[in-house]
Amino acid sequence: ISLKGTDKINEINRIFKSIYTIMSPILPKEGSRGFLFAG
């Protein structure tokens, strides 16, 4: 929704093999950070 119509969301969908995508950062106070993908 937030990246609708952009080349980036199309690229992400191709990489993650999805039609609709949501990605959210994982932000612990210490140690490794990352992100959660749901598609």
Full PDB file with SEQRES, HELIX, SHEET, SSBOND, CRYST1, ORIGX, SCALE, CONECT and MASTER records, all heavy atoms in Angstrom:
SEQRES   1 A   39  ILE SER LEU LYS GLY THR ASP LYS ILE ASN GLU ILE ASN          
SEQRES   2 A   39  ARG ILE PHE LYS SER ILE TYR THR ILE MET SER PRO ILE          
SEQRES   3 A   39  LEU PRO LYS GLU GLY SER ARG GLY PHE LEU PHE ALA GLY          
HELIX    1 AA1 ASP A    7  PHE A   16  1                                  10    
SHEET    1 AA1 2 ILE A  22  ILE A  26  0                                        
SHEET    2 AA1 2 GLY A  34  ALA A  38 -1                                        
CRYST1    1.000    1.000    1.000  90.00  90.00  90.00 P 1           1          
ORIGX1      1.000000  0.000000  0.000000        0.00000                         
ORIGX2      0.000000  1.000000  0.000000        0.00000                         
ORIGX3      0.000000  0.000000  1.000000        0.00000                         
SCALE1      1.000000  0.000000  0.000000        0.00000                         
SCALE2      0.000000  1.000000  0.000000        0.00000                         
SCALE3      0.000000  0.000000  1.000000        0.00000                         
ATOM      1  N   ILE A   1       0.837  -1.202   0.000  1.00  0.00           N  
ATOM      2  CA  ILE A   1       0.000   0.000   0.000  1.00  0.00           C  
ATOM      3  C   ILE A   1       0.871   1.250   0.000  1.00  0.00           C  
ATOM      4  O   ILE A   1       0.690   2.156  -0.809  1.00  0.00           O  
ATOM      5  CB  ILE A   1      -0.937  -0.008   1.221  1.00  0.00           C  
ATOM      6  CG1 ILE A   1      -1.879  -1.217   1.172  1.00  0.00           C  
ATOM      7  CG2 ILE A   1      -1.738   1.284   1.307  1.00  0.00           C  
ATOM      8  CD1 ILE A   1      -2.722  -1.390   2.421  1.00  0.00           C  
ATOM      9  N   SER A   2       1.870   1.288   0.947  1.00  0.00           N  
ATOM     10  CA  SER A   2       2.693   2.496   1.071  1.00  0.00           C  
ATOM     11  C   SER A   2       3.625   2.691  -0.127  1.00  0.00           C  
ATOM     12  O   SER A   2       4.002   3.820  -0.438  1.00  0.00           O  
ATOM     13  CB  SER A   2       3.512   2.432   2.369  1.00  0.00           C  
ATOM     14  OG  SER A   2       4.402   1.328   2.343  1.00  0.00           O  
ATOM     15  N   LEU A   3       3.996   1.576  -0.806  1.00  0.00           N  
ATOM     16  CA  LEU A   3       4.886   1.681  -1.970  1.00  0.00           C  
ATOM     17  C   LEU A   3       4.161   1.361  -3.282  1.00  0.00           C  
ATOM     18  O   LEU A   3       4.797   0.989  -4.280  1.00  0.00           O  
ATOM     19  CB  LEU A   3       6.080   0.726  -1.805  1.00  0.00           C  
ATOM     20  CG  LEU A   3       7.025   0.986  -0.619  1.00  0.00           C  
ATOM     21  CD1 LEU A   3       8.130  -0.057  -0.574  1.00  0.00           C  
ATOM     22  CD2 LEU A   3       7.614   2.382  -0.686  1.00  0.00           C  
ATOM     23  N   LYS A   4       2.841   1.489  -3.255  1.00  0.00           N  
ATOM     24  CA  LYS A   4       2.026   1.111  -4.426  1.00  0.00           C  
ATOM     25  C   LYS A   4       2.487   1.852  -5.695  1.00  0.00           C  
ATOM     26  O   LYS A   4       2.687   3.062  -5.701  1.00  0.00           O  
ATOM     27  CB  LYS A   4       0.560   1.428  -4.152  1.00  0.00           C  
ATOM     28  CG  LYS A   4      -0.384   0.927  -5.234  1.00  0.00           C  
ATOM     29  CD  LYS A   4      -1.829   1.192  -4.839  1.00  0.00           C  
ATOM     30  CE  LYS A   4      -2.781   0.664  -5.921  1.00  0.00           C  
ATOM     31  NZ  LYS A   4      -4.200   0.916  -5.547  1.00  0.00           N  
ATOM     32  N   GLY A   5       2.673   1.052  -6.766  1.00  0.00           N  
ATOM     33  CA  GLY A   5       3.019   1.627  -8.060  1.00  0.00           C  
ATOM     34  C   GLY A   5       4.493   1.944  -8.243  1.00  0.00           C  
ATOM     35  O   GLY A   5       4.886   2.441  -9.298  1.00  0.00           O  
ATOM     36  N   THR A   6       5.337   1.666  -7.196  1.00  0.00           N  
ATOM     37  CA  THR A   6       6.766   1.971  -7.315  1.00  0.00           C  
ATOM     38  C   THR A   6       7.517   0.750  -7.850  1.00  0.00           C  
ATOM     39  O   THR A   6       7.089  -0.398  -7.715  1.00  0.00           O  
ATOM     40  CB  THR A   6       7.353   2.367  -5.959  1.00  0.00           C  
ATOM     41  OG1 THR A   6       7.250   1.251  -5.054  1.00  0.00           O  
ATOM     42  CG2 THR A   6       6.610   3.551  -5.363  1.00  0.00           C  
ATOM     43  N   ASP A   7       8.655   1.027  -8.470  1.00  0.00           N  
ATOM     44  CA  ASP A   7       9.495  -0.070  -8.967  1.00  0.00           C  
ATOM     45  C   ASP A   7      10.015  -0.918  -7.811  1.00  0.00           C  
ATOM     46  O   ASP A   7      10.234  -2.133  -7.972  1.00  0.00           O  
ATOM     47  CB  ASP A   7      10.673   0.489  -9.768  1.00  0.00           C  
ATOM     48  CG  ASP A   7      10.221   1.148 -11.069  1.00  0.00           C  
ATOM     49  OD1 ASP A   7       9.130   0.779 -11.553  1.00  0.00           O  
ATOM     50  OD2 ASP A   7      10.959   2.018 -11.582  1.00  0.00           O  
ATOM     51  N   LYS A   8      10.215  -0.278  -6.626  1.00  0.00           N  
ATOM     52  CA  LYS A   8      10.805  -1.002  -5.495  1.00  0.00           C  
ATOM     53  C   LYS A   8       9.891  -2.108  -4.998  1.00  0.00           C  
ATOM     54  O   LYS A   8      10.346  -3.219  -4.713  1.00  0.00           O  
ATOM     55  CB  LYS A   8      11.104  -0.028  -4.336  1.00  0.00           C  
ATOM     56  CG  LYS A   8      12.047  -0.607  -3.302  1.00  0.00           C  
ATOM     57  CD  LYS A   8      13.400  -0.896  -3.928  1.00  0.00           C  
ATOM     58  CE  LYS A   8      14.317  -1.672  -3.020  1.00  0.00           C  
ATOM     59  NZ  LYS A   8      15.608  -1.961  -3.643  1.00  0.00           N  
ATOM     60  N   ILE A   9       8.582  -1.829  -4.904  1.00  0.00           N  
ATOM     61  CA  ILE A   9       7.679  -2.858  -4.416  1.00  0.00           C  
ATOM     62  C   ILE A   9       7.569  -3.995  -5.426  1.00  0.00           C  
ATOM     63  O   ILE A   9       7.454  -5.169  -5.053  1.00  0.00           O  
ATOM     64  CB  ILE A   9       6.285  -2.275  -4.075  1.00  0.00           C  
ATOM     65  CG1 ILE A   9       5.482  -3.303  -3.256  1.00  0.00           C  
ATOM     66  CG2 ILE A   9       5.532  -1.875  -5.319  1.00  0.00           C  
ATOM     67  CD1 ILE A   9       6.089  -3.623  -1.914  1.00  0.00           C  
ATOM     68  N   ASN A  10       7.660  -3.666  -6.712  1.00  0.00           N  
ATOM     69  CA  ASN A  10       7.647  -4.720  -7.736  1.00  0.00           C  
ATOM     70  C   ASN A  10       8.890  -5.595  -7.621  1.00  0.00           C  
ATOM     71  O   ASN A  10       8.821  -6.822  -7.749  1.00  0.00           O  
ATOM     72  CB  ASN A  10       7.568  -4.093  -9.130  1.00  0.00           C  
ATOM     73  CG  ASN A  10       6.241  -3.370  -9.353  1.00  0.00           C  
ATOM     74  OD1 ASN A  10       5.217  -3.750  -8.776  1.00  0.00           O  
ATOM     75  ND2 ASN A  10       6.247  -2.341 -10.192  1.00  0.00           N  
ATOM     76  N   GLU A  11      10.039  -4.947  -7.336  1.00  0.00           N  
ATOM     77  CA  GLU A  11      11.291  -5.701  -7.168  1.00  0.00           C  
ATOM     78  C   GLU A  11      11.220  -6.603  -5.932  1.00  0.00           C  
ATOM     79  O   GLU A  11      11.622  -7.772  -5.981  1.00  0.00           O  
ATOM     80  CB  GLU A  11      12.453  -4.717  -7.024  1.00  0.00           C  
ATOM     81  CG  GLU A  11      13.803  -5.395  -6.825  1.00  0.00           C  
ATOM     82  CD  GLU A  11      14.897  -4.383  -6.517  1.00  0.00           C  
ATOM     83  OE1 GLU A  11      14.694  -3.171  -6.757  1.00  0.00           O  
ATOM     84  OE2 GLU A  11      15.951  -4.814  -6.000  1.00  0.00           O  
ATOM     85  N   ILE A  12      10.692  -6.046  -4.821  1.00  0.00           N  
ATOM     86  CA  ILE A  12      10.562  -6.838  -3.589  1.00  0.00           C  
ATOM     87  C   ILE A  12       9.647  -8.034  -3.817  1.00  0.00           C  
ATOM     88  O   ILE A  12       9.948  -9.161  -3.384  1.00  0.00           O  
ATOM     89  CB  ILE A  12      10.024  -5.952  -2.440  1.00  0.00           C  
ATOM     90  CG1 ILE A  12      11.082  -4.918  -2.028  1.00  0.00           C  
ATOM     91  CG2 ILE A  12       9.615  -6.789  -1.230  1.00  0.00           C  
ATOM     92  CD1 ILE A  12      10.570  -3.871  -1.057  1.00  0.00           C  
ATOM     93  N   ASN A  13       8.536  -7.802  -4.508  1.00  0.00           N  
ATOM     94  CA  ASN A  13       7.605  -8.903  -4.784  1.00  0.00           C  
ATOM     95  C   ASN A  13       8.270  -9.989  -5.628  1.00  0.00           C  
ATOM     96  O   ASN A  13       8.009 -11.183  -5.424  1.00  0.00           O  
ATOM     97  CB  ASN A  13       6.354  -8.368  -5.476  1.00  0.00           C  
ATOM     98  CG  ASN A  13       5.451  -7.597  -4.518  1.00  0.00           C  
ATOM     99  OD1 ASN A  13       5.513  -7.800  -3.309  1.00  0.00           O  
ATOM    100  ND2 ASN A  13       4.616  -6.706  -5.057  1.00  0.00           N  
ATOM    101  N   ARG A  14       9.110  -9.574  -6.579  1.00  0.00           N  
ATOM    102  CA  ARG A  14       9.811 -10.581  -7.388  1.00  0.00           C  
ATOM    103  C   ARG A  14      10.794 -11.375  -6.527  1.00  0.00           C  
ATOM    104  O   ARG A  14      10.863 -12.609  -6.636  1.00  0.00           O  
ATOM    105  CB  ARG A  14      10.564  -9.892  -8.539  1.00  0.00           C  
ATOM    106  CG  ARG A  14       9.678  -9.461  -9.705  1.00  0.00           C  
ATOM    107  CD  ARG A  14      10.505  -9.163 -10.947  1.00  0.00           C  
ATOM    108  NE  ARG A  14      11.517  -8.145 -10.711  1.00  0.00           N  
ATOM    109  CZ  ARG A  14      11.304  -6.838 -10.824  1.00  0.00           C  
ATOM    110  NH1 ARG A  14      10.090  -6.392 -11.174  1.00  0.00           N  
ATOM    111  NH2 ARG A  14      12.266  -5.970 -10.595  1.00  0.00           N  
ATOM    112  N   ILE A  15      11.561 -10.653  -5.684  1.00  0.00           N  
ATOM    113  CA  ILE A  15      12.563 -11.336  -4.849  1.00  0.00           C  
ATOM    114  C   ILE A  15      11.896 -12.315  -3.891  1.00  0.00           C  
ATOM    115  O   ILE A  15      12.327 -13.467  -3.748  1.00  0.00           O  
ATOM    116  CB  ILE A  15      13.401 -10.298  -4.066  1.00  0.00           C  
ATOM    117  CG1 ILE A  15      14.271  -9.483  -5.030  1.00  0.00           C  
ATOM    118  CG2 ILE A  15      14.281 -10.973  -3.005  1.00  0.00           C  
ATOM    119  CD1 ILE A  15      14.985  -8.319  -4.377  1.00  0.00           C  
ATOM    120  N   PHE A  16      10.829 -11.854  -3.233  1.00  0.00           N  
ATOM    121  CA  PHE A  16      10.187 -12.668  -2.197  1.00  0.00           C  
ATOM    122  C   PHE A  16       9.037 -13.522  -2.739  1.00  0.00           C  
ATOM    123  O   PHE A  16       8.356 -14.186  -1.961  1.00  0.00           O  
ATOM    124  CB  PHE A  16       9.683 -11.769  -1.069  1.00  0.00           C  
ATOM    125  CG  PHE A  16      10.791 -11.176  -0.244  1.00  0.00           C  
ATOM    126  CD1 PHE A  16      11.343  -9.951  -0.583  1.00  0.00           C  
ATOM    127  CD2 PHE A  16      11.295 -11.848   0.856  1.00  0.00           C  
ATOM    128  CE1 PHE A  16      12.367  -9.394   0.163  1.00  0.00           C  
ATOM    129  CE2 PHE A  16      12.310 -11.295   1.621  1.00  0.00           C  
ATOM    130  CZ  PHE A  16      12.861 -10.067   1.266  1.00  0.00           C  
ATOM    131  N   LYS A  17       8.837 -13.469  -4.085  1.00  0.00           N  
ATOM    132  CA  LYS A  17       7.835 -14.310  -4.747  1.00  0.00           C  
ATOM    133  C   LYS A  17       6.453 -14.118  -4.111  1.00  0.00           C  
ATOM    134  O   LYS A  17       5.811 -15.066  -3.656  1.00  0.00           O  
ATOM    135  CB  LYS A  17       8.256 -15.774  -4.704  1.00  0.00           C  
ATOM    136  CG  LYS A  17       9.584 -16.021  -5.432  1.00  0.00           C  
ATOM    137  CD  LYS A  17      10.042 -17.448  -5.293  1.00  0.00           C  
ATOM    138  CE  LYS A  17      11.242 -17.744  -6.171  1.00  0.00           C  
ATOM    139  NZ  LYS A  17      12.233 -16.694  -6.337  1.00  0.00           N  
ATOM    140  N   SER A  18       6.013 -12.869  -4.107  1.00  0.00           N  
ATOM    141  CA  SER A  18       4.705 -12.550  -3.535  1.00  0.00           C  
ATOM    142  C   SER A  18       3.995 -11.529  -4.415  1.00  0.00           C  
ATOM    143  O   SER A  18       4.588 -10.915  -5.295  1.00  0.00           O  
ATOM    144  CB  SER A  18       4.882 -11.986  -2.118  1.00  0.00           C  
ATOM    145  OG  SER A  18       5.561 -10.752  -2.170  1.00  0.00           O  
ATOM    146  N   ILE A  19       2.690 -11.390  -4.169  1.00  0.00           N  
ATOM    147  CA  ILE A  19       1.896 -10.378  -4.868  1.00  0.00           C  
ATOM    148  C   ILE A  19       1.701  -9.164  -3.968  1.00  0.00           C  
ATOM    149  O   ILE A  19       1.815  -8.024  -4.405  1.00  0.00           O  
ATOM    150  CB  ILE A  19       0.525 -10.963  -5.287  1.00  0.00           C  
ATOM    151  CG1 ILE A  19       0.723 -12.094  -6.293  1.00  0.00           C  
ATOM    152  CG2 ILE A  19      -0.356  -9.879  -5.888  1.00  0.00           C  
ATOM    153  CD1 ILE A  19      -0.564 -12.787  -6.679  1.00  0.00           C  
ATOM    154  N   TYR A  20       1.392  -9.445  -2.706  1.00  0.00           N  
ATOM    155  CA  TYR A  20       1.228  -8.388  -1.716  1.00  0.00           C  
ATOM    156  C   TYR A  20       2.256  -8.594  -0.603  1.00  0.00           C  
ATOM    157  O   TYR A  20       2.483  -9.736  -0.165  1.00  0.00           O  
ATOM    158  CB  TYR A  20      -0.192  -8.389  -1.148  1.00  0.00           C  
ATOM    159  CG  TYR A  20      -1.262  -8.171  -2.195  1.00  0.00           C  
ATOM    160  CD1 TYR A  20      -2.105  -9.207  -2.565  1.00  0.00           C  
ATOM    161  CD2 TYR A  20      -1.402  -6.924  -2.810  1.00  0.00           C  
ATOM    162  CE1 TYR A  20      -3.078  -9.012  -3.530  1.00  0.00           C  
ATOM    163  CE2 TYR A  20      -2.368  -6.724  -3.780  1.00  0.00           C  
ATOM    164  CZ  TYR A  20      -3.203  -7.767  -4.146  1.00  0.00           C  
ATOM    165  OH  TYR A  20      -4.165  -7.580  -5.105  1.00  0.00           O  
ATOM    166  N   THR A  21       2.842  -7.503  -0.108  1.00  0.00           N  
ATOM    167  CA  THR A  21       3.966  -7.574   0.829  1.00  0.00           C  
ATOM    168  C   THR A  21       3.801  -6.583   1.976  1.00  0.00           C  
ATOM    169  O   THR A  21       3.333  -5.468   1.779  1.00  0.00           O  
ATOM    170  CB  THR A  21       5.297  -7.273   0.097  1.00  0.00           C  
ATOM    171  OG1 THR A  21       5.537  -8.311  -0.843  1.00  0.00           O  
ATOM    172  CG2 THR A  21       6.464  -7.173   1.063  1.00  0.00           C  
ATOM    173  N   ILE A  22       4.237  -7.014   3.165  1.00  0.00           N  
ATOM    174  CA  ILE A  22       4.406  -6.115   4.315  1.00  0.00           C  
ATOM    175  C   ILE A  22       5.753  -6.441   4.945  1.00  0.00           C  
ATOM    176  O   ILE A  22       6.075  -7.612   5.173  1.00  0.00           O  
ATOM    177  CB  ILE A  22       3.293  -6.282   5.361  1.00  0.00           C  
ATOM    178  CG1 ILE A  22       1.933  -5.911   4.768  1.00  0.00           C  
ATOM    179  CG2 ILE A  22       3.562  -5.408   6.592  1.00  0.00           C  
ATOM    180  CD1 ILE A  22       0.766  -6.183   5.696  1.00  0.00           C  
ATOM    181  N   MET A  23       6.554  -5.414   5.238  1.00  0.00           N  
ATOM    182  CA  MET A  23       7.847  -5.605   5.893  1.00  0.00           C  
ATOM    183  C   MET A  23       7.934  -4.634   7.068  1.00  0.00           C  
ATOM    184  O   MET A  23       7.616  -3.459   6.932  1.00  0.00           O  
ATOM    185  CB  MET A  23       9.007  -5.354   4.925  1.00  0.00           C  
ATOM    186  CG  MET A  23       8.997  -6.297   3.730  1.00  0.00           C  
ATOM    187  SD  MET A  23      10.324  -5.958   2.557  1.00  0.00           S  
ATOM    188  CE  MET A  23      11.689  -6.669   3.436  1.00  0.00           C  
ATOM    189  N   SER A  24       8.377  -5.182   8.230  1.00  0.00           N  
ATOM    190  CA  SER A  24       8.463  -4.353   9.435  1.00  0.00           C  
ATOM    191  C   SER A  24       9.797  -4.594  10.121  1.00  0.00           C  
ATOM    192  O   SER A  24      10.234  -5.748  10.249  1.00  0.00           O  
ATOM    193  CB  SER A  24       7.311  -4.693  10.392  1.00  0.00           C  
ATOM    194  OG  SER A  24       7.310  -3.823  11.498  1.00  0.00           O  
ATOM    195  N   PRO A  25      10.476  -3.535  10.588  1.00  0.00           N  
ATOM    196  CA  PRO A  25      11.786  -3.714  11.240  1.00  0.00           C  
ATOM    197  C   PRO A  25      11.668  -4.367  12.613  1.00  0.00           C  
ATOM    198  O   PRO A  25      10.708  -4.135  13.346  1.00  0.00           O  
ATOM    199  CB  PRO A  25      12.322  -2.284  11.353  1.00  0.00           C  
ATOM    200  CG  PRO A  25      11.121  -1.406  11.321  1.00  0.00           C  
ATOM    201  CD  PRO A  25      10.118  -2.108  10.469  1.00  0.00           C  
ATOM    202  N   ILE A  26      12.649  -5.213  12.939  1.00  0.00           N  
ATOM    203  CA  ILE A  26      12.770  -5.826  14.265  1.00  0.00           C  
ATOM    204  C   ILE A  26      13.878  -5.071  14.980  1.00  0.00           C  
ATOM    205  O   ILE A  26      15.029  -5.085  14.538  1.00  0.00           O  
ATOM    206  CB  ILE A  26      13.096  -7.333  14.157  1.00  0.00           C  
ATOM    207  CG1 ILE A  26      11.940  -8.056  13.454  1.00  0.00           C  
ATOM    208  CG2 ILE A  26      13.351  -7.935  15.524  1.00  0.00           C  
ATOM    209  CD1 ILE A  26      12.228  -9.515  13.152  1.00  0.00           C  
ATOM    210  N   LEU A  27      13.551  -4.429  16.124  1.00  0.00           N  
ATOM    211  CA  LEU A  27      14.462  -3.452  16.734  1.00  0.00           C  
ATOM    212  C   LEU A  27      14.716  -3.737  18.209  1.00  0.00           C  
ATOM    213  O   LEU A  27      14.274  -2.991  19.093  1.00  0.00           O  
ATOM    214  CB  LEU A  27      13.887  -2.038  16.573  1.00  0.00           C  
ATOM    215  CG  LEU A  27      13.558  -1.602  15.139  1.00  0.00           C  
ATOM    216  CD1 LEU A  27      12.737  -0.328  15.156  1.00  0.00           C  
ATOM    217  CD2 LEU A  27      14.846  -1.409  14.349  1.00  0.00           C  
ATOM    218  N   PRO A  28      15.430  -4.823  18.522  1.00  0.00           N  
ATOM    219  CA  PRO A  28      15.808  -5.017  19.928  1.00  0.00           C  
ATOM    220  C   PRO A  28      16.781  -3.926  20.367  1.00  0.00           C  
ATOM    221  O   PRO A  28      17.471  -3.328  19.544  1.00  0.00           O  
ATOM    222  CB  PRO A  28      16.484  -6.399  19.923  1.00  0.00           C  
ATOM    223  CG  PRO A  28      16.959  -6.588  18.530  1.00  0.00           C  
ATOM    224  CD  PRO A  28      15.969  -5.883  17.649  1.00  0.00           C  
ATOM    225  N   LYS A  29      16.837  -3.663  21.676  1.00  0.00           N  
ATOM    226  CA  LYS A  29      17.706  -2.602  22.175  1.00  0.00           C  
ATOM    227  C   LYS A  29      19.178  -2.981  22.064  1.00  0.00           C  
ATOM    228  O   LYS A  29      20.039  -2.113  21.938  1.00  0.00           O  
ATOM    229  CB  LYS A  29      17.356  -2.301  23.642  1.00  0.00           C  
ATOM    230  CG  LYS A  29      15.975  -1.698  23.803  1.00  0.00           C  
ATOM    231  CD  LYS A  29      15.645  -1.475  25.269  1.00  0.00           C  
ATOM    232  CE  LYS A  29      14.237  -0.906  25.438  1.00  0.00           C  
ATOM    233  NZ  LYS A  29      13.867  -0.726  26.854  1.00  0.00           N  
ATOM    234  N   GLU A  30      19.473  -4.270  22.139  1.00  0.00           N  
ATOM    235  CA  GLU A  30      20.851  -4.732  22.030  1.00  0.00           C  
ATOM    236  C   GLU A  30      20.922  -5.893  21.050  1.00  0.00           C  
ATOM    237  O   GLU A  30      19.950  -6.608  20.832  1.00  0.00           O  
ATOM    238  CB  GLU A  30      21.379  -5.180  23.395  1.00  0.00           C  
ATOM    239  CG  GLU A  30      21.505  -4.054  24.402  1.00  0.00           C  
ATOM    240  CD  GLU A  30      22.125  -4.522  25.702  1.00  0.00           C  
ATOM    241  OE1 GLU A  30      22.585  -5.683  25.760  1.00  0.00           O  
ATOM    242  OE2 GLU A  30      22.166  -3.732  26.654  1.00  0.00           O  
ATOM    243  N   GLY A  31      22.094  -6.092  20.473  1.00  0.00           N  
ATOM    244  CA  GLY A  31      22.296  -7.226  19.576  1.00  0.00           C  
ATOM    245  C   GLY A  31      21.822  -6.945  18.159  1.00  0.00           C  
ATOM    246  O   GLY A  31      21.545  -5.803  17.770  1.00  0.00           O  
ATOM    247  N   SER A  32      21.744  -8.014  17.366  1.00  0.00           N  
ATOM    248  CA  SER A  32      21.419  -7.903  15.938  1.00  0.00           C  
ATOM    249  C   SER A  32      19.988  -7.424  15.720  1.00  0.00           C  
ATOM    250  O   SER A  32      19.060  -7.888  16.374  1.00  0.00           O  
ATOM    251  CB  SER A  32      21.606  -9.261  15.260  1.00  0.00           C  
ATOM    252  OG  SER A  32      22.942  -9.692  15.372  1.00  0.00           O  
ATOM    253  N   ARG A  33      19.834  -6.483  14.766  1.00  0.00           N  
ATOM    254  CA  ARG A  33      18.517  -6.035  14.339  1.00  0.00           C  
ATOM    255  C   ARG A  33      18.185  -6.654  12.995  1.00  0.00           C  
ATOM    256  O   ARG A  33      19.051  -7.224  12.333  1.00  0.00           O  
ATOM    257  CB  ARG A  33      18.491  -4.507  14.255  1.00  0.00           C  
ATOM    258  CG  ARG A  33      18.671  -3.824  15.606  1.00  0.00           C  
ATOM    259  CD  ARG A  33      18.523  -2.325  15.506  1.00  0.00           C  
ATOM    260  NE  ARG A  33      18.414  -1.713  16.817  1.00  0.00           N  
ATOM    261  CZ  ARG A  33      18.043  -0.458  17.028  1.00  0.00           C  
ATOM    262  NH1 ARG A  33      17.748   0.330  15.978  1.00  0.00           N  
ATOM    263  NH2 ARG A  33      17.960   0.035  18.248  1.00  0.00           N  
ATOM    264  N   GLY A  34      16.941  -6.524  12.563  1.00  0.00           N  
ATOM    265  CA  GLY A  34      16.555  -7.124  11.292  1.00  0.00           C  
ATOM    266  C   GLY A  34      15.180  -6.677  10.853  1.00  0.00           C  
ATOM    267  O   GLY A  34      14.706  -5.605  11.221  1.00  0.00           O  
ATOM    268  N   PHE A  35      14.523  -7.534  10.054  1.00  0.00           N  
ATOM    269  CA  PHE A  35      13.177  -7.193   9.595  1.00  0.00           C  
ATOM    270  C   PHE A  35      12.346  -8.457   9.440  1.00  0.00           C  
ATOM    271  O   PHE A  35      12.868  -9.566   9.268  1.00  0.00           O  
ATOM    272  CB  PHE A  35      13.225  -6.407   8.278  1.00  0.00           C  
ATOM    273  CG  PHE A  35      13.790  -7.185   7.110  1.00  0.00           C  
ATOM    274  CD1 PHE A  35      12.972  -7.950   6.294  1.00  0.00           C  
ATOM    275  CD2 PHE A  35      15.151  -7.135   6.830  1.00  0.00           C  
ATOM    276  CE1 PHE A  35      13.488  -8.660   5.222  1.00  0.00           C  
ATOM    277  CE2 PHE A  35      15.675  -7.836   5.757  1.00  0.00           C  
ATOM    278  CZ  PHE A  35      14.851  -8.600   4.951  1.00  0.00           C  
ATOM    279  N   LEU A  36      11.033  -8.267   9.521  1.00  0.00           N  
ATOM    280  CA  LEU A  36      10.051  -9.344   9.345  1.00  0.00           C  
ATOM    281  C   LEU A  36       9.319  -9.113   8.030  1.00  0.00           C  
ATOM    282  O   LEU A  36       8.813  -8.017   7.788  1.00  0.00           O  
ATOM    283  CB  LEU A  36       9.064  -9.333  10.516  1.00  0.00           C  
ATOM    284  CG  LEU A  36       7.794 -10.178  10.366  1.00  0.00           C  
ATOM    285  CD1 LEU A  36       8.118 -11.660  10.309  1.00  0.00           C  
ATOM    286  CD2 LEU A  36       6.834  -9.893  11.540  1.00  0.00           C  
ATOM    287  N   PHE A  37       9.289 -10.143   7.184  1.00  0.00           N  
ATOM    288  CA  PHE A  37       8.564 -10.075   5.906  1.00  0.00           C  
ATOM    289  C   PHE A  37       7.334 -10.976   5.996  1.00  0.00           C  
ATOM    290  O   PHE A  37       7.408 -12.109   6.480  1.00  0.00           O  
ATOM    291  CB  PHE A  37       9.453 -10.546   4.751  1.00  0.00           C  
ATOM    292  CG  PHE A  37       8.683 -10.898   3.510  1.00  0.00           C  
ATOM    293  CD1 PHE A  37       8.324  -9.924   2.590  1.00  0.00           C  
ATOM    294  CD2 PHE A  37       8.287 -12.220   3.267  1.00  0.00           C  
ATOM    295  CE1 PHE A  37       7.593 -10.256   1.459  1.00  0.00           C  
ATOM    296  CE2 PHE A  37       7.562 -12.558   2.142  1.00  0.00           C  
ATOM    297  CZ  PHE A  37       7.221 -11.570   1.233  1.00  0.00           C  
ATOM    298  N   ALA A  38       6.203 -10.461   5.529  1.00  0.00           N  
ATOM    299  CA  ALA A  38       4.982 -11.264   5.400  1.00  0.00           C  
ATOM    300  C   ALA A  38       4.391 -10.994   4.023  1.00  0.00           C  
ATOM    301  O   ALA A  38       4.235  -9.835   3.625  1.00  0.00           O  
ATOM    302  CB  ALA A  38       3.980 -10.909   6.493  1.00  0.00           C  
ATOM    303  N   GLY A  39       4.090 -12.054   3.283  1.00  0.00           N  
ATOM    304  CA  GLY A  39       3.574 -11.868   1.924  1.00  0.00           C  
ATOM    305  C   GLY A  39       2.604 -12.958   1.532  1.00  0.00           C  
ATOM    306  O   GLY A  39       2.449 -13.978   2.215  1.00  0.00           O  
TER     307      GLY A  39                                                      
MASTER        0    0    0    1    2    0    0    6  306    1    0    3          
END                                                                             
